[in-house]
Amino acid sequence: MKTLETERLILRPFKLSDLDDFFEYCSLETVGPNAGWSVHKNKEESKTIIEGFIKKGDVLALVDRFDNKVIGSVGLHQKPDEFGNMQTEIGYVLSTPYEGRGLMTEAVRRVLEHAFLELDIDLIHVYHFKENKKSRRVIEKCYFTYVGETVYQTVSFGKKESLAYQLKKEEYLKLREELK
């Protein structure tokens, strides 16, 4: 994905030089488990993941404009649904000290704009674990429609009960006009 900007953030492809910032938030107990992956135990583990982000090109680093620090990530992933059909899914994480400021909502809204208007994606899915109220709030603020309960396959913890949402391009465009 290309670099995107918001008032307070720069969303850009990851670089190996982001390793220290990335490890800092990935080693927090309050970040990875809420997204379905284990806390990073060392920088080598974080480096391997950054290398994967760089290779695949579907995850952007969230850089705080004011201190030039990587504080999270947001990605658009092509994943199979429960029937094996490919779908676009948005996923995100934010370093705990930066929560509660609307930064992730700002980032997700910008990525949605890019996905619908520039990449011409018709439908985006998002999920959160039932207990993750912070992710739910971002989803609600970004106008997703609740679809129902599901079981989501995590990277580190097997299957977890989750809630599913979606946003169609036509709904997004309509809301965008109404909010102007």
N, C-alpha and C. Protein backbone atom coordinates (compact mmCIF):
# COMPACT_ATOMS: atom_id res chain seq x y z
N MET A 1 0.84 -1.19 0.00
CA MET A 1 0.00 0.00 0.00
C MET A 1 0.88 1.24 0.00
N LYS A 2 0.31 2.29 -0.51
CA LYS A 2 1.05 3.55 -0.57
C LYS A 2 0.93 4.30 0.76
N THR A 3 1.74 5.32 0.93
CA THR A 3 1.69 6.16 2.12
C THR A 3 0.43 7.00 2.10
N LEU A 4 -0.24 7.04 3.25
CA LEU A 4 -1.46 7.83 3.44
C LEU A 4 -1.22 8.78 4.60
N GLU A 5 -1.94 9.90 4.62
CA GLU A 5 -1.76 10.86 5.70
C GLU A 5 -3.09 11.30 6.28
N THR A 6 -3.06 11.63 7.56
CA THR A 6 -4.20 12.23 8.24
C THR A 6 -3.67 13.45 8.98
N GLU A 7 -4.53 14.10 9.70
CA GLU A 7 -4.11 15.29 10.45
C GLU A 7 -2.98 14.98 11.44
N ARG A 8 -3.09 13.83 12.12
CA ARG A 8 -2.13 13.52 13.18
C ARG A 8 -1.21 12.34 12.89
N LEU A 9 -1.45 11.65 11.76
CA LEU A 9 -0.71 10.41 11.49
C LEU A 9 -0.16 10.36 10.07
N ILE A 10 0.91 9.62 9.92
CA ILE A 10 1.41 9.19 8.62
C ILE A 10 1.29 7.68 8.62
N LEU A 11 0.61 7.15 7.63
CA LEU A 11 0.44 5.70 7.49
C LEU A 11 1.31 5.30 6.30
N ARG A 12 2.37 4.57 6.57
CA ARG A 12 3.33 4.25 5.53
C ARG A 12 3.80 2.81 5.65
N PRO A 13 4.37 2.28 4.58
CA PRO A 13 4.92 0.92 4.67
C PRO A 13 5.98 0.84 5.78
N PHE A 14 6.05 -0.32 6.40
CA PHE A 14 7.05 -0.56 7.44
C PHE A 14 8.45 -0.57 6.84
N LYS A 15 9.43 -0.20 7.68
CA LYS A 15 10.85 -0.27 7.35
C LYS A 15 11.55 -1.02 8.49
N LEU A 16 12.68 -1.64 8.19
CA LEU A 16 13.42 -2.34 9.24
C LEU A 16 13.84 -1.38 10.36
N SER A 17 14.01 -0.12 10.04
CA SER A 17 14.39 0.86 11.07
C SER A 17 13.26 1.12 12.08
N ASP A 18 12.07 0.57 11.84
CA ASP A 18 10.95 0.69 12.79
C ASP A 18 11.02 -0.34 13.90
N LEU A 19 12.03 -1.19 13.88
CA LEU A 19 12.09 -2.33 14.79
C LEU A 19 11.93 -1.95 16.26
N ASP A 20 12.64 -0.95 16.74
CA ASP A 20 12.58 -0.60 18.17
C ASP A 20 11.16 -0.18 18.58
N ASP A 21 10.54 0.70 17.78
CA ASP A 21 9.18 1.15 18.09
C ASP A 21 8.19 -0.01 18.01
N PHE A 22 8.34 -0.84 16.98
CA PHE A 22 7.44 -1.98 16.78
C PHE A 22 7.54 -2.94 17.96
N PHE A 23 8.75 -3.30 18.34
CA PHE A 23 8.93 -4.21 19.47
C PHE A 23 8.37 -3.59 20.76
N GLU A 24 8.54 -2.29 20.92
CA GLU A 24 8.05 -1.63 22.13
C GLU A 24 6.56 -1.87 22.34
N TYR A 25 5.76 -1.70 21.29
CA TYR A 25 4.31 -1.91 21.51
C TYR A 25 3.91 -3.37 21.37
N CYS A 26 4.65 -4.16 20.59
CA CYS A 26 4.31 -5.58 20.46
C CYS A 26 4.67 -6.39 21.70
N SER A 27 5.49 -5.84 22.56
CA SER A 27 5.88 -6.53 23.79
C SER A 27 4.94 -6.20 24.95
N LEU A 28 3.93 -5.36 24.70
CA LEU A 28 2.96 -5.01 25.74
C LEU A 28 1.89 -6.10 25.84
N GLU A 29 1.56 -6.50 27.04
CA GLU A 29 0.51 -7.50 27.28
C GLU A 29 -0.87 -7.02 26.81
N THR A 30 -1.04 -5.71 26.67
CA THR A 30 -2.33 -5.12 26.33
C THR A 30 -2.55 -4.95 24.83
N VAL A 31 -1.59 -5.37 23.99
CA VAL A 31 -1.72 -5.15 22.54
C VAL A 31 -1.99 -6.45 21.79
N GLY A 32 -1.00 -7.31 21.65
CA GLY A 32 -1.12 -8.52 20.83
C GLY A 32 -2.27 -9.44 21.18
N PRO A 33 -2.43 -9.80 22.45
CA PRO A 33 -3.52 -10.72 22.78
C PRO A 33 -4.91 -10.22 22.37
N ASN A 34 -5.11 -8.90 22.34
CA ASN A 34 -6.40 -8.35 21.89
C ASN A 34 -6.58 -8.47 20.38
N ALA A 35 -5.47 -8.74 19.67
CA ALA A 35 -5.53 -8.90 18.22
C ALA A 35 -5.33 -10.36 17.80
N GLY A 36 -5.11 -11.24 18.77
CA GLY A 36 -5.00 -12.66 18.45
C GLY A 36 -3.60 -13.20 18.30
N TRP A 37 -2.59 -12.40 18.69
CA TRP A 37 -1.22 -12.89 18.62
C TRP A 37 -0.51 -12.68 19.95
N SER A 38 0.48 -13.52 20.17
CA SER A 38 1.23 -13.51 21.44
C SER A 38 2.12 -12.29 21.55
N VAL A 39 2.38 -11.90 22.79
CA VAL A 39 3.32 -10.83 23.10
C VAL A 39 4.69 -11.21 22.51
N HIS A 40 5.34 -10.26 21.88
CA HIS A 40 6.67 -10.53 21.33
C HIS A 40 7.67 -10.63 22.47
N LYS A 41 8.48 -11.67 22.41
CA LYS A 41 9.45 -11.93 23.48
C LYS A 41 10.81 -11.32 23.21
N ASN A 42 11.13 -11.05 21.94
CA ASN A 42 12.43 -10.46 21.60
C ASN A 42 12.34 -9.74 20.26
N LYS A 43 13.36 -8.96 19.98
CA LYS A 43 13.38 -8.16 18.75
C LYS A 43 13.52 -9.02 17.50
N GLU A 44 14.11 -10.19 17.62
CA GLU A 44 14.23 -11.07 16.45
C GLU A 44 12.84 -11.49 15.96
N GLU A 45 11.96 -11.80 16.89
CA GLU A 45 10.58 -12.15 16.54
C GLU A 45 9.90 -10.97 15.83
N SER A 46 10.07 -9.77 16.38
CA SER A 46 9.49 -8.57 15.77
C SER A 46 10.10 -8.31 14.40
N LYS A 47 11.39 -8.51 14.26
CA LYS A 47 12.06 -8.28 12.98
C LYS A 47 11.49 -9.21 11.90
N THR A 48 11.28 -10.47 12.24
CA THR A 48 10.72 -11.43 11.29
C THR A 48 9.34 -10.97 10.81
N ILE A 49 8.54 -10.45 11.72
CA ILE A 49 7.19 -10.00 11.36
C ILE A 49 7.26 -8.75 10.48
N ILE A 50 8.12 -7.81 10.83
CA ILE A 50 8.29 -6.61 9.98
C ILE A 50 8.73 -7.03 8.57
N GLU A 51 9.64 -7.97 8.48
CA GLU A 51 10.09 -8.44 7.17
C GLU A 51 8.92 -9.02 6.37
N GLY A 52 8.01 -9.72 7.05
CA GLY A 52 6.82 -10.23 6.40
C GLY A 52 5.90 -9.11 5.92
N PHE A 53 5.74 -8.07 6.76
CA PHE A 53 4.93 -6.91 6.36
C PHE A 53 5.51 -6.27 5.10
N ILE A 54 6.83 -6.11 5.09
CA ILE A 54 7.50 -5.48 3.95
C ILE A 54 7.30 -6.33 2.69
N LYS A 55 7.48 -7.62 2.82
CA LYS A 55 7.35 -8.52 1.67
C LYS A 55 5.93 -8.54 1.12
N LYS A 56 4.94 -8.63 2.01
CA LYS A 56 3.55 -8.75 1.57
C LYS A 56 2.96 -7.41 1.16
N GLY A 57 3.36 -6.34 1.84
CA GLY A 57 2.92 -5.00 1.47
C GLY A 57 1.48 -4.65 1.80
N ASP A 58 0.87 -5.35 2.76
CA ASP A 58 -0.53 -5.07 3.06
C ASP A 58 -0.76 -4.48 4.45
N VAL A 59 0.33 -4.09 5.13
CA VAL A 59 0.23 -3.49 6.46
C VAL A 59 1.00 -2.18 6.47
N LEU A 60 0.38 -1.16 7.02
CA LEU A 60 1.02 0.15 7.15
C LEU A 60 1.37 0.44 8.60
N ALA A 61 2.51 1.08 8.80
CA ALA A 61 2.90 1.56 10.13
C ALA A 61 2.16 2.86 10.40
N LEU A 62 1.66 3.02 11.62
CA LEU A 62 1.05 4.27 12.05
C LEU A 62 2.13 5.09 12.73
N VAL A 63 2.46 6.22 12.14
CA VAL A 63 3.51 7.08 12.66
C VAL A 63 2.88 8.34 13.21
N ASP A 64 3.13 8.62 14.47
CA ASP A 64 2.66 9.84 15.10
C ASP A 64 3.43 11.01 14.50
N ARG A 65 2.73 11.95 13.89
CA ARG A 65 3.38 13.09 13.22
C ARG A 65 4.21 13.94 14.19
N PHE A 66 3.82 13.97 15.46
CA PHE A 66 4.44 14.89 16.39
C PHE A 66 5.75 14.38 16.97
N ASP A 67 5.90 13.06 17.08
CA ASP A 67 7.17 12.55 17.60
C ASP A 67 7.85 11.54 16.66
N ASN A 68 7.26 11.36 15.47
CA ASN A 68 7.82 10.47 14.44
C ASN A 68 8.03 9.05 14.94
N LYS A 69 7.15 8.61 15.83
CA LYS A 69 7.25 7.28 16.43
C LYS A 69 6.19 6.36 15.84
N VAL A 70 6.57 5.11 15.55
CA VAL A 70 5.60 4.12 15.10
C VAL A 70 4.82 3.65 16.33
N ILE A 71 3.49 3.83 16.26
CA ILE A 71 2.64 3.57 17.43
C ILE A 71 1.59 2.49 17.18
N GLY A 72 1.60 1.91 16.00
CA GLY A 72 0.62 0.87 15.70
C GLY A 72 0.69 0.50 14.23
N SER A 73 -0.33 -0.23 13.80
CA SER A 73 -0.39 -0.64 12.39
C SER A 73 -1.84 -0.82 11.97
N VAL A 74 -2.04 -0.76 10.68
CA VAL A 74 -3.35 -1.03 10.08
C VAL A 74 -3.09 -1.74 8.76
N GLY A 75 -3.88 -2.78 8.50
CA GLY A 75 -3.67 -3.53 7.27
C GLY A 75 -4.96 -3.90 6.58
N LEU A 76 -4.86 -4.06 5.27
CA LEU A 76 -5.94 -4.58 4.45
C LEU A 76 -5.47 -5.93 3.93
N HIS A 77 -6.13 -6.98 4.35
CA HIS A 77 -5.68 -8.34 4.05
C HIS A 77 -6.69 -9.07 3.19
N GLN A 78 -6.19 -9.86 2.26
CA GLN A 78 -7.03 -10.77 1.49
C GLN A 78 -7.02 -12.10 2.22
N LYS A 79 -8.19 -12.51 2.71
CA LYS A 79 -8.29 -13.74 3.48
C LYS A 79 -9.50 -14.54 3.03
N PRO A 80 -9.42 -15.86 3.13
CA PRO A 80 -10.60 -16.65 2.79
C PRO A 80 -11.64 -16.60 3.91
N ASP A 81 -12.91 -16.53 3.52
CA ASP A 81 -13.97 -16.60 4.52
C ASP A 81 -14.22 -18.06 4.87
N GLU A 82 -15.25 -18.32 5.65
CA GLU A 82 -15.52 -19.69 6.11
C GLU A 82 -15.85 -20.66 4.97
N PHE A 83 -16.18 -20.13 3.79
CA PHE A 83 -16.50 -20.96 2.64
C PHE A 83 -15.36 -21.03 1.62
N GLY A 84 -14.24 -20.37 1.95
CA GLY A 84 -13.09 -20.38 1.05
C GLY A 84 -13.07 -19.26 0.03
N ASN A 85 -14.06 -18.35 0.09
CA ASN A 85 -14.09 -17.21 -0.83
C ASN A 85 -13.18 -16.10 -0.29
N MET A 86 -12.42 -15.48 -1.17
CA MET A 86 -11.52 -14.42 -0.74
C MET A 86 -12.32 -13.16 -0.40
N GLN A 87 -11.91 -12.52 0.68
CA GLN A 87 -12.54 -11.28 1.11
C GLN A 87 -11.48 -10.32 1.61
N THR A 88 -11.80 -9.04 1.63
CA THR A 88 -10.89 -8.03 2.16
C THR A 88 -11.25 -7.77 3.61
N GLU A 89 -10.23 -7.84 4.46
CA GLU A 89 -10.43 -7.65 5.90
C GLU A 89 -9.48 -6.55 6.37
N ILE A 90 -9.98 -5.66 7.20
CA ILE A 90 -9.12 -4.65 7.80
C ILE A 90 -8.79 -5.09 9.22
N GLY A 91 -7.55 -4.89 9.62
CA GLY A 91 -7.11 -5.21 10.97
C GLY A 91 -6.21 -4.09 11.47
N TYR A 92 -6.17 -3.92 12.78
CA TYR A 92 -5.40 -2.81 13.32
C TYR A 92 -4.99 -3.08 14.76
N VAL A 93 -3.90 -2.45 15.17
CA VAL A 93 -3.46 -2.45 16.56
C VAL A 93 -2.87 -1.08 16.87
N LEU A 94 -2.96 -0.69 18.14
CA LEU A 94 -2.43 0.59 18.59
C LEU A 94 -1.74 0.41 19.92
N SER A 95 -0.61 1.03 20.07
CA SER A 95 0.11 0.99 21.34
C SER A 95 -0.76 1.57 22.45
N THR A 96 -0.83 0.88 23.55
CA THR A 96 -1.73 1.24 24.65
C THR A 96 -1.62 2.70 25.10
N PRO A 97 -0.42 3.27 25.24
CA PRO A 97 -0.35 4.66 25.69
C PRO A 97 -1.02 5.67 24.75
N TYR A 98 -1.32 5.26 23.52
CA TYR A 98 -1.92 6.16 22.54
C TYR A 98 -3.43 5.97 22.39
N GLU A 99 -4.00 5.06 23.16
CA GLU A 99 -5.43 4.81 23.08
C GLU A 99 -6.23 5.98 23.66
N GLY A 100 -7.49 6.04 23.26
CA GLY A 100 -8.41 7.03 23.82
C GLY A 100 -8.29 8.41 23.21
N ARG A 101 -7.56 8.55 22.11
CA ARG A 101 -7.39 9.86 21.46
C ARG A 101 -8.05 9.93 20.09
N GLY A 102 -8.67 8.83 19.66
CA GLY A 102 -9.29 8.81 18.34
C GLY A 102 -8.31 8.56 17.20
N LEU A 103 -7.08 8.21 17.53
CA LEU A 103 -6.07 7.99 16.50
C LEU A 103 -6.39 6.80 15.60
N MET A 104 -6.84 5.69 16.20
CA MET A 104 -7.13 4.52 15.38
C MET A 104 -8.35 4.76 14.50
N THR A 105 -9.35 5.44 15.00
CA THR A 105 -10.50 5.78 14.18
C THR A 105 -10.06 6.62 12.99
N GLU A 106 -9.21 7.58 13.24
CA GLU A 106 -8.65 8.45 12.18
C GLU A 106 -7.92 7.61 11.13
N ALA A 107 -7.10 6.67 11.58
CA ALA A 107 -6.34 5.82 10.67
C ALA A 107 -7.25 4.91 9.86
N VAL A 108 -8.19 4.26 10.51
CA VAL A 108 -9.09 3.32 9.82
C VAL A 108 -9.93 4.08 8.80
N ARG A 109 -10.43 5.24 9.16
CA ARG A 109 -11.23 6.02 8.20
C ARG A 109 -10.41 6.38 6.96
N ARG A 110 -9.15 6.70 7.15
CA ARG A 110 -8.30 7.05 6.00
C ARG A 110 -8.05 5.82 5.13
N VAL A 111 -7.82 4.67 5.74
CA VAL A 111 -7.59 3.45 4.97
C VAL A 111 -8.88 3.05 4.24
N LEU A 112 -10.02 3.23 4.85
CA LEU A 112 -11.29 2.94 4.18
C LEU A 112 -11.47 3.83 2.96
N GLU A 113 -11.16 5.10 3.11
CA GLU A 113 -11.25 6.03 1.98
C GLU A 113 -10.36 5.55 0.83
N HIS A 114 -9.14 5.18 1.15
CA HIS A 114 -8.20 4.67 0.16
C HIS A 114 -8.73 3.39 -0.49
N ALA A 115 -9.23 2.49 0.32
CA ALA A 115 -9.71 1.20 -0.19
C ALA A 115 -10.90 1.36 -1.13
N PHE A 116 -11.85 2.17 -0.75
CA PHE A 116 -13.06 2.31 -1.55
C PHE A 116 -12.87 3.23 -2.76
N LEU A 117 -12.14 4.34 -2.59
CA LEU A 117 -12.03 5.32 -3.66
C LEU A 117 -10.85 5.08 -4.60
N GLU A 118 -9.76 4.53 -4.09
CA GLU A 118 -8.57 4.36 -4.92
C GLU A 118 -8.35 2.91 -5.34
N LEU A 119 -8.60 1.97 -4.44
CA LEU A 119 -8.40 0.55 -4.77
C LEU A 119 -9.67 -0.09 -5.35
N ASP A 120 -10.79 0.63 -5.27
CA ASP A 120 -12.07 0.18 -5.80
C ASP A 120 -12.54 -1.15 -5.20
N ILE A 121 -12.32 -1.29 -3.91
CA ILE A 121 -12.81 -2.48 -3.19
C ILE A 121 -14.29 -2.27 -2.90
N ASP A 122 -15.09 -3.31 -3.05
CA ASP A 122 -16.55 -3.20 -2.88
C ASP A 122 -17.05 -3.50 -1.48
N LEU A 123 -16.28 -4.30 -0.71
CA LEU A 123 -16.75 -4.75 0.59
C LEU A 123 -15.55 -5.02 1.50
N ILE A 124 -15.63 -4.52 2.72
CA ILE A 124 -14.56 -4.74 3.70
C ILE A 124 -15.17 -5.33 4.96
N HIS A 125 -14.52 -6.35 5.47
CA HIS A 125 -14.94 -7.03 6.70
C HIS A 125 -14.01 -6.64 7.84
N VAL A 126 -14.53 -6.70 9.05
CA VAL A 126 -13.72 -6.49 10.25
C VAL A 126 -14.31 -7.33 11.37
N TYR A 127 -13.46 -7.75 12.28
CA TYR A 127 -13.86 -8.62 13.39
C TYR A 127 -13.22 -8.11 14.68
N HIS A 128 -13.88 -8.40 15.79
CA HIS A 128 -13.23 -8.19 17.09
C HIS A 128 -13.69 -9.28 18.03
N PHE A 129 -12.81 -9.61 18.97
CA PHE A 129 -13.17 -10.60 19.98
C PHE A 129 -14.26 -9.98 20.85
N LYS A 130 -15.16 -10.82 21.34
CA LYS A 130 -16.31 -10.33 22.10
C LYS A 130 -15.92 -9.39 23.22
N GLU A 131 -14.83 -9.69 23.89
CA GLU A 131 -14.44 -8.89 25.06
C GLU A 131 -13.68 -7.61 24.70
N ASN A 132 -13.34 -7.41 23.43
CA ASN A 132 -12.53 -6.26 23.03
C ASN A 132 -13.41 -5.06 22.70
N LYS A 133 -13.79 -4.33 23.73
CA LYS A 133 -14.68 -3.19 23.56
C LYS A 133 -14.01 -2.01 22.86
N LYS A 134 -12.70 -1.88 22.98
CA LYS A 134 -12.00 -0.79 22.31
C LYS A 134 -12.06 -0.94 20.80
N SER A 135 -11.84 -2.15 20.30
CA SER A 135 -11.95 -2.36 18.86
C SER A 135 -13.38 -2.16 18.39
N ARG A 136 -14.33 -2.58 19.20
CA ARG A 136 -15.73 -2.39 18.84
C ARG A 136 -16.05 -0.91 18.64
N ARG A 137 -15.52 -0.06 19.50
CA ARG A 137 -15.79 1.38 19.39
C ARG A 137 -15.22 1.95 18.08
N VAL A 138 -14.03 1.51 17.70
CA VAL A 138 -13.45 1.97 16.43
C VAL A 138 -14.36 1.54 15.28
N ILE A 139 -14.79 0.30 15.30
CA ILE A 139 -15.66 -0.25 14.26
C ILE A 139 -16.96 0.56 14.16
N GLU A 140 -17.56 0.86 15.29
CA GLU A 140 -18.79 1.64 15.30
C GLU A 140 -18.57 3.05 14.75
N LYS A 141 -17.47 3.67 15.12
CA LYS A 141 -17.17 5.03 14.66
C LYS A 141 -16.82 5.08 13.17
N CYS A 142 -16.54 3.93 12.61
CA CYS A 142 -16.17 3.86 11.18
C CYS A 142 -17.32 3.32 10.34
N TYR A 143 -18.52 3.26 10.91
CA TYR A 143 -19.77 3.01 10.17
C TYR A 143 -19.96 1.59 9.66
N PHE A 144 -19.26 0.63 10.23
CA PHE A 144 -19.47 -0.76 9.83
C PHE A 144 -20.84 -1.23 10.32
N THR A 145 -21.40 -2.18 9.61
CA THR A 145 -22.68 -2.78 9.97
C THR A 145 -22.43 -4.14 10.62
N TYR A 146 -23.07 -4.36 11.75
CA TYR A 146 -22.94 -5.62 12.46
C TYR A 146 -23.55 -6.74 11.63
N VAL A 147 -22.83 -7.86 11.50
CA VAL A 147 -23.29 -9.01 10.72
C VAL A 147 -23.73 -10.13 11.65
N GLY A 148 -22.94 -10.40 12.70
CA GLY A 148 -23.31 -11.46 13.62
C GLY A 148 -22.11 -12.04 14.33
N GLU A 149 -22.38 -13.07 15.13
CA GLU A 149 -21.31 -13.75 15.86
C GLU A 149 -20.64 -14.76 14.95
N THR A 150 -19.36 -14.97 15.20
CA THR A 150 -18.60 -15.92 14.41
C THR A 150 -17.46 -16.47 15.27
N VAL A 151 -16.74 -17.38 14.73
CA VAL A 151 -15.52 -17.87 15.37
C VAL A 151 -14.37 -17.47 14.47
N TYR A 152 -13.39 -16.78 15.04
CA TYR A 152 -12.27 -16.25 14.28
C TYR A 152 -11.00 -17.04 14.59
N GLN A 153 -10.28 -17.44 13.56
CA GLN A 153 -9.03 -18.17 13.73
C GLN A 153 -7.90 -17.17 14.00
N THR A 154 -7.33 -17.21 15.19
CA THR A 154 -6.26 -16.29 15.55
C THR A 154 -4.90 -16.86 15.16
N VAL A 155 -3.89 -16.02 15.19
CA VAL A 155 -2.53 -16.44 14.89
C VAL A 155 -1.98 -17.33 16.00
N SER A 156 -2.25 -16.95 17.26
CA SER A 156 -1.60 -17.60 18.40
C SER A 156 -2.50 -18.38 19.34
N PHE A 157 -3.81 -18.13 19.33
CA PHE A 157 -4.68 -18.68 20.36
C PHE A 157 -5.79 -19.58 19.84
N GLY A 158 -5.67 -20.05 18.63
CA GLY A 158 -6.71 -20.90 18.08
C GLY A 158 -7.95 -20.10 17.73
N LYS A 159 -9.10 -20.72 17.85
CA LYS A 159 -10.35 -20.07 17.49
C LYS A 159 -10.93 -19.33 18.70
N LYS A 160 -11.44 -18.10 18.43
CA LYS A 160 -12.04 -17.29 19.49
C LYS A 160 -13.39 -16.77 19.03
N GLU A 161 -14.33 -16.72 19.97
CA GLU A 161 -15.64 -16.14 19.66
C GLU A 161 -15.46 -14.66 19.35
N SER A 162 -16.05 -14.25 18.24
CA SER A 162 -15.87 -12.88 17.76
C SER A 162 -17.17 -12.34 17.19
N LEU A 163 -17.17 -11.04 16.95
CA LEU A 163 -18.28 -10.38 16.30
C LEU A 163 -17.80 -9.90 14.94
N ALA A 164 -18.66 -10.05 13.92
CA ALA A 164 -18.31 -9.71 12.55
C ALA A 164 -19.10 -8.49 12.08
N TYR A 165 -18.44 -7.69 11.26
CA TYR A 165 -19.03 -6.48 10.71
C TYR A 165 -18.59 -6.36 9.25
N GLN A 166 -19.30 -5.53 8.51
CA GLN A 166 -18.89 -5.27 7.14
C GLN A 166 -19.28 -3.85 6.76
N LEU A 167 -18.63 -3.35 5.73
CA LEU A 167 -18.97 -2.04 5.17
C LEU A 167 -18.88 -2.16 3.66
N LYS A 168 -19.98 -1.84 2.99
CA LYS A 168 -20.04 -1.89 1.53
C LYS A 168 -19.66 -0.52 0.98
N LYS A 169 -19.03 -0.54 -0.18
CA LYS A 169 -18.61 0.70 -0.82
C LYS A 169 -19.79 1.65 -1.00
N GLU A 170 -20.93 1.15 -1.45
CA GLU A 170 -22.10 2.00 -1.69
C GLU A 170 -22.58 2.67 -0.40
N GLU A 171 -22.52 1.93 0.73
CA GLU A 171 -22.89 2.51 2.02
C GLU A 171 -21.88 3.58 2.44
N TYR A 172 -20.62 3.27 2.23
CA TYR A 172 -19.56 4.22 2.56
C TYR A 172 -19.75 5.53 1.78
N LEU A 173 -19.97 5.43 0.48
CA LEU A 173 -20.12 6.62 -0.36
C LEU A 173 -21.33 7.45 0.07
N LYS A 174 -22.41 6.79 0.42
CA LYS A 174 -23.60 7.49 0.88
C LYS A 174 -23.33 8.22 2.19
N LEU A 175 -22.72 7.53 3.14
CA LEU A 175 -22.39 8.15 4.43
C LEU A 175 -21.42 9.31 4.26
N ARG A 176 -20.47 9.14 3.37
CA ARG A 176 -19.46 10.18 3.11
C ARG A 176 -20.13 11.46 2.63
N GLU A 177 -21.11 11.32 1.77
CA GLU A 177 -21.85 12.50 1.27
C GLU A 177 -22.67 13.15 2.39
N GLU A 178 -23.30 12.31 3.21
CA GLU A 178 -24.14 12.83 4.29
C GLU A 178 -23.32 13.57 5.33
N LEU A 179 -22.07 13.16 5.53
CA LEU A 179 -21.24 13.75 6.58
C LEU A 179 -20.49 15.01 6.13
N LYS A 180 -20.58 15.33 4.85
CA LYS A 180 -19.87 16.54 4.35
C LYS A 180 -20.54 17.80 4.83
